[in-house]
Amino acid sequence: MNLRRRIQRLRQRKANVRFRELRALLEGAGWELKSVTGSHHSFVKAGRRPLIIINHPGALSPLSVDRTLDEVERDMEEEGD
């Protein structure tokens, strides 16, 4: 499934997105897991500010999902994808 379609599907169900789904999306978009401190996972990509995702049981915060997806989309637009 292409990246834009995955983003669209995650937005449709943002209240039920789990960490592993968001991590797979980030890694597919070229982000790297740089460090883990407790439940805080830091993802980096050259030329972008780090993204911190909090991994906890169950679904992630819809606000956190939206902010992460916004950043991935901005990155895609700047790269011309």
PDB file of N, CA and C in Angstrom:
ATOM      1  N   MET A   1       0.857  -1.173   0.000  1.00  0.00           N
ATOM      2  CA  MET A   1       0.000   0.000   0.000  1.00  0.00           C
ATOM      3  C   MET A   1       0.904   1.237   0.000  1.00  0.00           C
ATOM      4  N   ASN A   2       0.545   2.228  -0.810  1.00  0.00           N
ATOM      5  CA  ASN A   2       1.419   3.401  -0.867  1.00  0.00           C
ATOM      6  C   ASN A   2       1.285   4.248   0.398  1.00  0.00           C
ATOM      7  N   LEU A   3       2.270   5.094   0.598  1.00  0.00           N
ATOM      8  CA  LEU A   3       2.384   5.864   1.841  1.00  0.00           C
ATOM      9  C   LEU A   3       1.198   6.804   2.048  1.00  0.00           C
ATOM     10  N   ARG A   4       0.784   7.499   1.006  1.00  0.00           N
ATOM     11  CA  ARG A   4      -0.355   8.426   1.144  1.00  0.00           C
ATOM     12  C   ARG A   4      -1.639   7.695   1.535  1.00  0.00           C
ATOM     13  N   ARG A   5      -1.834   6.524   0.980  1.00  0.00           N
ATOM     14  CA  ARG A   5      -3.030   5.732   1.308  1.00  0.00           C
ATOM     15  C   ARG A   5      -2.967   5.268   2.770  1.00  0.00           C
ATOM     16  N   ARG A   6      -1.777   4.883   3.224  1.00  0.00           N
ATOM     17  CA  ARG A   6      -1.627   4.463   4.623  1.00  0.00           C
ATOM     18  C   ARG A   6      -1.927   5.614   5.575  1.00  0.00           C
ATOM     19  N   ILE A   7      -1.451   6.805   5.216  1.00  0.00           N
ATOM     20  CA  ILE A   7      -1.716   7.991   6.043  1.00  0.00           C
ATOM     21  C   ILE A   7      -3.215   8.260   6.103  1.00  0.00           C
ATOM     22  N   GLN A   8      -3.869   8.195   4.965  1.00  0.00           N
ATOM     23  CA  GLN A   8      -5.318   8.429   4.909  1.00  0.00           C
ATOM     24  C   GLN A   8      -6.072   7.429   5.793  1.00  0.00           C
ATOM     25  N   ARG A   9      -5.686   6.181   5.726  1.00  0.00           N
ATOM     26  CA  ARG A   9      -6.358   5.158   6.553  1.00  0.00           C
ATOM     27  C   ARG A   9      -6.128   5.377   8.045  1.00  0.00           C
ATOM     28  N   LEU A  10      -4.920   5.778   8.408  1.00  0.00           N
ATOM     29  CA  LEU A  10      -4.653   6.042   9.820  1.00  0.00           C
ATOM     30  C   LEU A  10      -5.432   7.262  10.307  1.00  0.00           C
ATOM     31  N   ARG A  11      -5.572   8.267   9.479  1.00  0.00           N
ATOM     32  CA  ARG A  11      -6.360   9.453   9.866  1.00  0.00           C
ATOM     33  C   ARG A  11      -7.828   9.091  10.100  1.00  0.00           C
ATOM     34  N   GLN A  12      -8.344   8.187   9.313  1.00  0.00           N
ATOM     35  CA  GLN A  12      -9.743   7.791   9.440  1.00  0.00           C
ATOM     36  C   GLN A  12     -10.011   7.086  10.760  1.00  0.00           C
ATOM     37  N   ARG A  13      -9.010   6.454  11.312  1.00  0.00           N
ATOM     38  CA  ARG A  13      -9.194   5.733  12.572  1.00  0.00           C
ATOM     39  C   ARG A  13      -8.180   6.157  13.622  1.00  0.00           C
ATOM     40  N   LYS A  14      -7.896   7.462  13.660  1.00  0.00           N
ATOM     41  CA  LYS A  14      -6.834   7.978  14.536  1.00  0.00           C
ATOM     42  C   LYS A  14      -7.058   7.698  16.016  1.00  0.00           C
ATOM     43  N   ALA A  15      -8.282   7.447  16.429  1.00  0.00           N
ATOM     44  CA  ALA A  15      -8.541   7.148  17.840  1.00  0.00           C
ATOM     45  C   ALA A  15      -8.140   5.713  18.194  1.00  0.00           C
ATOM     46  N   ASN A  16      -7.820   4.907  17.187  1.00  0.00           N
ATOM     47  CA  ASN A  16      -7.480   3.501  17.430  1.00  0.00           C
ATOM     48  C   ASN A  16      -6.145   3.090  16.822  1.00  0.00           C
ATOM     49  N   VAL A  17      -5.233   4.031  16.666  1.00  0.00           N
ATOM     50  CA  VAL A  17      -3.925   3.728  16.081  1.00  0.00           C
ATOM     51  C   VAL A  17      -2.964   3.296  17.190  1.00  0.00           C
ATOM     52  N   ARG A  18      -2.305   2.198  16.954  1.00  0.00           N
ATOM     53  CA  ARG A  18      -1.334   1.687  17.916  1.00  0.00           C
ATOM     54  C   ARG A  18       0.075   2.110  17.518  1.00  0.00           C
ATOM     55  N   PHE A  19       0.964   2.077  18.500  1.00  0.00           N
ATOM     56  CA  PHE A  19       2.345   2.504  18.287  1.00  0.00           C
ATOM     57  C   PHE A  19       3.001   1.753  17.132  1.00  0.00           C
ATOM     58  N   ARG A  20       2.841   0.454  17.075  1.00  0.00           N
ATOM     59  CA  ARG A  20       3.519  -0.339  16.038  1.00  0.00           C
ATOM     60  C   ARG A  20       3.091   0.081  14.636  1.00  0.00           C
ATOM     61  N   GLU A  21       1.839   0.525  14.466  1.00  0.00           N
ATOM     62  CA  GLU A  21       1.365   0.987  13.160  1.00  0.00           C
ATOM     63  C   GLU A  21       2.032   2.303  12.772  1.00  0.00           C
ATOM     64  N   LEU A  22       2.121   3.212  13.729  1.00  0.00           N
ATOM     65  CA  LEU A  22       2.748   4.504  13.463  1.00  0.00           C
ATOM     66  C   LEU A  22       4.248   4.332  13.234  1.00  0.00           C
ATOM     67  N   ARG A  23       4.861   3.441  13.982  1.00  0.00           N
ATOM     68  CA  ARG A  23       6.291   3.170  13.799  1.00  0.00           C
ATOM     69  C   ARG A  23       6.556   2.603  12.402  1.00  0.00           C
ATOM     70  N   ALA A  24       5.728   1.678  11.951  1.00  0.00           N
ATOM     71  CA  ALA A  24       5.894   1.094  10.616  1.00  0.00           C
ATOM     72  C   ALA A  24       5.751   2.166   9.532  1.00  0.00           C
ATOM     73  N   LEU A  25       4.808   3.081   9.712  1.00  0.00           N
ATOM     74  CA  LEU A  25       4.625   4.169   8.755  1.00  0.00           C
ATOM     75  C   LEU A  25       5.862   5.057   8.716  1.00  0.00           C
ATOM     76  N   LEU A  26       6.360   5.461   9.884  1.00  0.00           N
ATOM     77  CA  LEU A  26       7.541   6.325   9.954  1.00  0.00           C
ATOM     78  C   LEU A  26       8.751   5.657   9.308  1.00  0.00           C
ATOM     79  N   GLU A  27       8.978   4.409   9.619  1.00  0.00           N
ATOM     80  CA  GLU A  27      10.130   3.715   9.058  1.00  0.00           C
ATOM     81  C   GLU A  27       9.979   3.556   7.542  1.00  0.00           C
ATOM     82  N   GLY A  28       8.756   3.344   7.067  1.00  0.00           N
ATOM     83  CA  GLY A  28       8.509   3.260   5.630  1.00  0.00           C
ATOM     84  C   GLY A  28       8.717   4.587   4.925  1.00  0.00           C
ATOM     85  N   ALA A  29       8.594   5.683   5.681  1.00  0.00           N
ATOM     86  CA  ALA A  29       8.779   7.024   5.114  1.00  0.00           C
ATOM     87  C   ALA A  29      10.222   7.506   5.264  1.00  0.00           C
ATOM     88  N   GLY A  30      11.097   6.643   5.766  1.00  0.00           N
ATOM     89  CA  GLY A  30      12.512   6.996   5.854  1.00  0.00           C
ATOM     90  C   GLY A  30      12.978   7.525   7.198  1.00  0.00           C
ATOM     91  N   TRP A  31      12.126   7.490   8.223  1.00  0.00           N
ATOM     92  CA  TRP A  31      12.520   7.933   9.555  1.00  0.00           C
ATOM     93  C   TRP A  31      13.216   6.775  10.262  1.00  0.00           C
ATOM     94  N   GLU A  32      14.166   7.102  11.135  1.00  0.00           N
ATOM     95  CA  GLU A  32      14.917   6.107  11.900  1.00  0.00           C
ATOM     96  C   GLU A  32      14.673   6.267  13.381  1.00  0.00           C
ATOM     97  N   LEU A  33      14.539   5.148  14.071  1.00  0.00           N
ATOM     98  CA  LEU A  33      14.446   5.185  15.526  1.00  0.00           C
ATOM     99  C   LEU A  33      15.841   5.475  16.063  1.00  0.00           C
ATOM    100  N   LYS A  34      15.995   6.630  16.707  1.00  0.00           N
ATOM    101  CA  LYS A  34      17.317   7.041  17.194  1.00  0.00           C
ATOM    102  C   LYS A  34      17.546   6.600  18.637  1.00  0.00           C
ATOM    103  N   SER A  35      16.531   6.805  19.485  1.00  0.00           N
ATOM    104  CA  SER A  35      16.727   6.449  20.890  1.00  0.00           C
ATOM    105  C   SER A  35      15.383   6.158  21.549  1.00  0.00           C
ATOM    106  N   VAL A  36      15.490   5.445  22.652  1.00  0.00           N
ATOM    107  CA  VAL A  36      14.325   5.132  23.474  1.00  0.00           C
ATOM    108  C   VAL A  36      14.684   5.471  24.912  1.00  0.00           C
ATOM    109  N   THR A  37      13.866   6.305  25.524  1.00  0.00           N
ATOM    110  CA  THR A  37      14.039   6.645  26.938  1.00  0.00           C
ATOM    111  C   THR A  37      12.707   6.357  27.615  1.00  0.00           C
ATOM    112  N   GLY A  38      12.664   5.252  28.329  1.00  0.00           N
ATOM    113  CA  GLY A  38      11.395   4.839  28.922  1.00  0.00           C
ATOM    114  C   GLY A  38      10.409   4.499  27.811  1.00  0.00           C
ATOM    115  N   SER A  39       9.281   5.192  27.797  1.00  0.00           N
ATOM    116  CA  SER A  39       8.275   4.946  26.767  1.00  0.00           C
ATOM    117  C   SER A  39       8.385   5.938  25.608  1.00  0.00           C
ATOM    118  N   HIS A  40       9.345   6.856  25.667  1.00  0.00           N
ATOM    119  CA  HIS A  40       9.508   7.878  24.642  1.00  0.00           C
ATOM    120  C   HIS A  40      10.471   7.394  23.548  1.00  0.00           C
ATOM    121  N   HIS A  41       9.963   7.300  22.336  1.00  0.00           N
ATOM    122  CA  HIS A  41      10.751   6.854  21.189  1.00  0.00           C
ATOM    123  C   HIS A  41      11.025   8.060  20.298  1.00  0.00           C
ATOM    124  N   SER A  42      12.292   8.293  20.000  1.00  0.00           N
ATOM    125  CA  SER A  42      12.703   9.437  19.188  1.00  0.00           C
ATOM    126  C   SER A  42      13.053   8.963  17.773  1.00  0.00           C
ATOM    127  N   PHE A  43      12.340   9.503  16.782  1.00  0.00           N
ATOM    128  CA  PHE A  43      12.588   9.187  15.383  1.00  0.00           C
ATOM    129  C   PHE A  43      13.222  10.396  14.710  1.00  0.00           C
ATOM    130  N   VAL A  44      14.219  10.147  13.860  1.00  0.00           N
ATOM    131  CA  VAL A  44      14.920  11.239  13.181  1.00  0.00           C
ATOM    132  C   VAL A  44      14.977  10.981  11.684  1.00  0.00           C
ATOM    133  N   LYS A  45      15.114  12.085  10.958  1.00  0.00           N
ATOM    134  CA  LYS A  45      15.324  12.040   9.514  1.00  0.00           C
ATOM    135  C   LYS A  45      16.109  13.292   9.163  1.00  0.00           C
ATOM    136  N   ALA A  46      17.083  13.151   8.284  1.00  0.00           N
ATOM    137  CA  ALA A  46      17.944  14.282   7.915  1.00  0.00           C
ATOM    138  C   ALA A  46      17.108  15.472   7.454  1.00  0.00           C
ATOM    139  N   GLY A  47      17.412  16.630   8.013  1.00  0.00           N
ATOM    140  CA  GLY A  47      16.733  17.853   7.623  1.00  0.00           C
ATOM    141  C   GLY A  47      15.388  18.084   8.286  1.00  0.00           C
ATOM    142  N   ARG A  48      14.985  17.204   9.197  1.00  0.00           N
ATOM    143  CA  ARG A  48      13.695  17.319   9.882  1.00  0.00           C
ATOM    144  C   ARG A  48      13.930  17.365  11.392  1.00  0.00           C
ATOM    145  N   ARG A  49      12.982  17.953  12.091  1.00  0.00           N
ATOM    146  CA  ARG A  49      13.090  17.942  13.549  1.00  0.00           C
ATOM    147  C   ARG A  49      12.707  16.549  14.060  1.00  0.00           C
ATOM    148  N   PRO A  50      13.272  16.128  15.175  1.00  0.00           N
ATOM    149  CA  PRO A  50      12.951  14.795  15.700  1.00  0.00           C
ATOM    150  C   PRO A  50      11.469  14.682  16.076  1.00  0.00           C
ATOM    151  N   LEU A  51      10.948  13.490  15.922  1.00  0.00           N
ATOM    152  CA  LEU A  51       9.579  13.195  16.350  1.00  0.00           C
ATOM    153  C   LEU A  51       9.661  12.302  17.579  1.00  0.00           C
ATOM    154  N   ILE A  52       8.955  12.676  18.614  1.00  0.00           N
ATOM    155  CA  ILE A  52       8.910  11.872  19.835  1.00  0.00           C
ATOM    156  C   ILE A  52       7.516  11.247  19.917  1.00  0.00           C
ATOM    157  N   ILE A  53       7.478   9.930  19.952  1.00  0.00           N
ATOM    158  CA  ILE A  53       6.223   9.197  20.058  1.00  0.00           C
ATOM    159  C   ILE A  53       6.249   8.443  21.378  1.00  0.00           C
ATOM    160  N   ILE A  54       5.185   8.552  22.146  1.00  0.00           N
ATOM    161  CA  ILE A  54       5.096   7.866  23.433  1.00  0.00           C
ATOM    162  C   ILE A  54       4.388   6.536  23.223  1.00  0.00           C
ATOM    163  N   ASN A  55       5.085   5.466  23.532  1.00  0.00           N
ATOM    164  CA  ASN A  55       4.540   4.122  23.376  1.00  0.00           C
ATOM    165  C   ASN A  55       3.934   3.684  24.708  1.00  0.00           C
ATOM    166  N   HIS A  56       2.643   3.453  24.700  1.00  0.00           N
ATOM    167  CA  HIS A  56       1.975   2.942  25.885  1.00  0.00           C
ATOM    168  C   HIS A  56       0.937   1.922  25.442  1.00  0.00           C
ATOM    169  N   PRO A  57       0.460   1.080  26.341  1.00  0.00           N
ATOM    170  CA  PRO A  57      -0.511   0.060  25.958  1.00  0.00           C
ATOM    171  C   PRO A  57      -1.767   0.691  25.357  1.00  0.00           C
ATOM    172  N   GLY A  58      -2.320   0.021  24.374  1.00  0.00           N
ATOM    173  CA  GLY A  58      -3.546   0.511  23.746  1.00  0.00           C
ATOM    174  C   GLY A  58      -3.262   1.524  22.652  1.00  0.00           C
ATOM    175  N   ALA A  59      -4.290   2.269  22.316  1.00  0.00           N
ATOM    176  CA  ALA A  59      -4.202   3.245  21.230  1.00  0.00           C
ATOM    177  C   ALA A  59      -3.448   4.500  21.672  1.00  0.00           C
ATOM    178  N   LEU A  60      -2.820   5.143  20.704  1.00  0.00           N
ATOM    179  CA  LEU A  60      -2.129   6.411  20.958  1.00  0.00           C
ATOM    180  C   LEU A  60      -3.133   7.544  21.015  1.00  0.00           C
ATOM    181  N   SER A  61      -2.711   8.667  21.527  1.00  0.00           N
ATOM    182  CA  SER A  61      -3.550   9.856  21.565  1.00  0.00           C
ATOM    183  C   SER A  61      -3.852  10.306  20.132  1.00  0.00           C
ATOM    184  N   PRO A  62      -5.122  10.587  19.805  1.00  0.00           N
ATOM    185  CA  PRO A  62      -5.451  11.077  18.458  1.00  0.00           C
ATOM    186  C   PRO A  62      -4.676  12.341  18.092  1.00  0.00           C
ATOM    187  N   LEU A  63      -4.417  13.206  19.054  1.00  0.00           N
ATOM    188  CA  LEU A  63      -3.643  14.415  18.794  1.00  0.00           C
ATOM    189  C   LEU A  63      -2.213  14.068  18.395  1.00  0.00           C
ATOM    190  N   SER A  64      -1.620  13.117  19.066  1.00  0.00           N
ATOM    191  CA  SER A  64      -0.266  12.668  18.741  1.00  0.00           C
ATOM    192  C   SER A  64      -0.217  12.054  17.346  1.00  0.00           C
ATOM    193  N   VAL A  65      -1.231  11.264  17.016  1.00  0.00           N
ATOM    194  CA  VAL A  65      -1.305  10.649  15.687  1.00  0.00           C
ATOM    195  C   VAL A  65      -1.408  11.735  14.621  1.00  0.00           C
ATOM    196  N   ASP A  66      -2.294  12.708  14.821  1.00  0.00           N
ATOM    197  CA  ASP A  66      -2.460  13.800  13.856  1.00  0.00           C
ATOM    198  C   ASP A  66      -1.163  14.573  13.652  1.00  0.00           C
ATOM    199  N   ARG A  67      -0.499  14.920  14.732  1.00  0.00           N
ATOM    200  CA  ARG A  67       0.749  15.694  14.629  1.00  0.00           C
ATOM    201  C   ARG A  67       1.820  14.913  13.885  1.00  0.00           C
ATOM    202  N   THR A  68       1.915  13.635  14.155  1.00  0.00           N
ATOM    203  CA  THR A  68       2.910  12.800  13.476  1.00  0.00           C
ATOM    204  C   THR A  68       2.591  12.684  11.990  1.00  0.00           C
ATOM    205  N   LEU A  69       1.337  12.442  11.657  1.00  0.00           N
ATOM    206  CA  LEU A  69       0.951  12.325  10.251  1.00  0.00           C
ATOM    207  C   LEU A  69       1.146  13.643   9.515  1.00  0.00           C
ATOM    208  N   ASP A  70       0.870  14.764  10.181  1.00  0.00           N
ATOM    209  CA  ASP A  70       1.113  16.079   9.579  1.00  0.00           C
ATOM    210  C   ASP A  70       2.587  16.249   9.226  1.00  0.00           C
ATOM    211  N   GLU A  71       3.459  15.853  10.129  1.00  0.00           N
ATOM    212  CA  GLU A  71       4.896  15.996   9.904  1.00  0.00           C
ATOM    213  C   GLU A  71       5.356  15.098   8.751  1.00  0.00           C
ATOM    214  N   VAL A  72       4.850  13.886   8.682  1.00  0.00           N
ATOM    215  CA  VAL A  72       5.211  12.982   7.588  1.00  0.00           C
ATOM    216  C   VAL A  72       4.730  13.554   6.253  1.00  0.00           C
ATOM    217  N   GLU A  73       3.519  14.100   6.223  1.00  0.00           N
ATOM    218  CA  GLU A  73       3.004  14.696   4.990  1.00  0.00           C
ATOM    219  C   GLU A  73       3.819  15.919   4.573  1.00  0.00           C
ATOM    220  N   ARG A  74       4.199  16.764   5.525  1.00  0.00           N
ATOM    221  CA  ARG A  74       5.038  17.929   5.216  1.00  0.00           C
ATOM    222  C   ARG A  74       6.366  17.478   4.606  1.00  0.00           C
ATOM    223  N   ASP A  75       6.934  16.443   5.186  1.00  0.00           N
ATOM    224  CA  ASP A  75       8.196  15.908   4.682  1.00  0.00           C
ATOM    225  C   ASP A  75       8.024  15.395   3.253  1.00  0.00           C
ATOM    226  N   MET A  76       6.943  14.701   2.979  1.00  0.00           N
ATOM    227  CA  MET A  76       6.692  14.179   1.637  1.00  0.00           C
ATOM    228  C   MET A  76       6.524  15.312   0.626  1.00  0.00           C
ATOM    229  N   GLU A  77       5.815  16.373   1.009  1.00  0.00           N
ATOM    230  CA  GLU A  77       5.608  17.504   0.121  1.00  0.00           C
ATOM    231  C   GLU A  77       6.929  18.192  -0.206  1.00  0.00           C
ATOM    232  N   GLU A  78       7.779  18.357   0.791  1.00  0.00           N
ATOM    233  CA  GLU A  78       9.059  19.013   0.580  1.00  0.00           C
ATOM    234  C   GLU A  78       9.988  18.176  -0.274  1.00  0.00           C
ATOM    235  N   GLU A  79       9.853  16.858  -0.192  1.00  0.00           N
ATOM    236  CA  GLU A  79      10.673  15.977  -1.017  1.00  0.00           C
ATOM    237  C   GLU A  79      10.099  15.831  -2.430  1.00  0.00           C
ATOM    238  N   GLY A  80       8.841  16.235  -2.591  1.00  0.00           N
ATOM    239  CA  GLY A  80       8.217  16.147  -3.905  1.00  0.00           C
ATOM    240  C   GLY A  80       7.575  14.812  -4.206  1.00  0.00           C
ATOM    241  N   ASP A  81       7.276  14.035  -3.178  1.00  0.00           N
ATOM    242  CA  ASP A  81       6.616  12.734  -3.378  1.00  0.00           C
ATOM    243  C   ASP A  81       5.135  12.904  -3.558  1.00  0.00           C
TER     244      ASP A  81
END
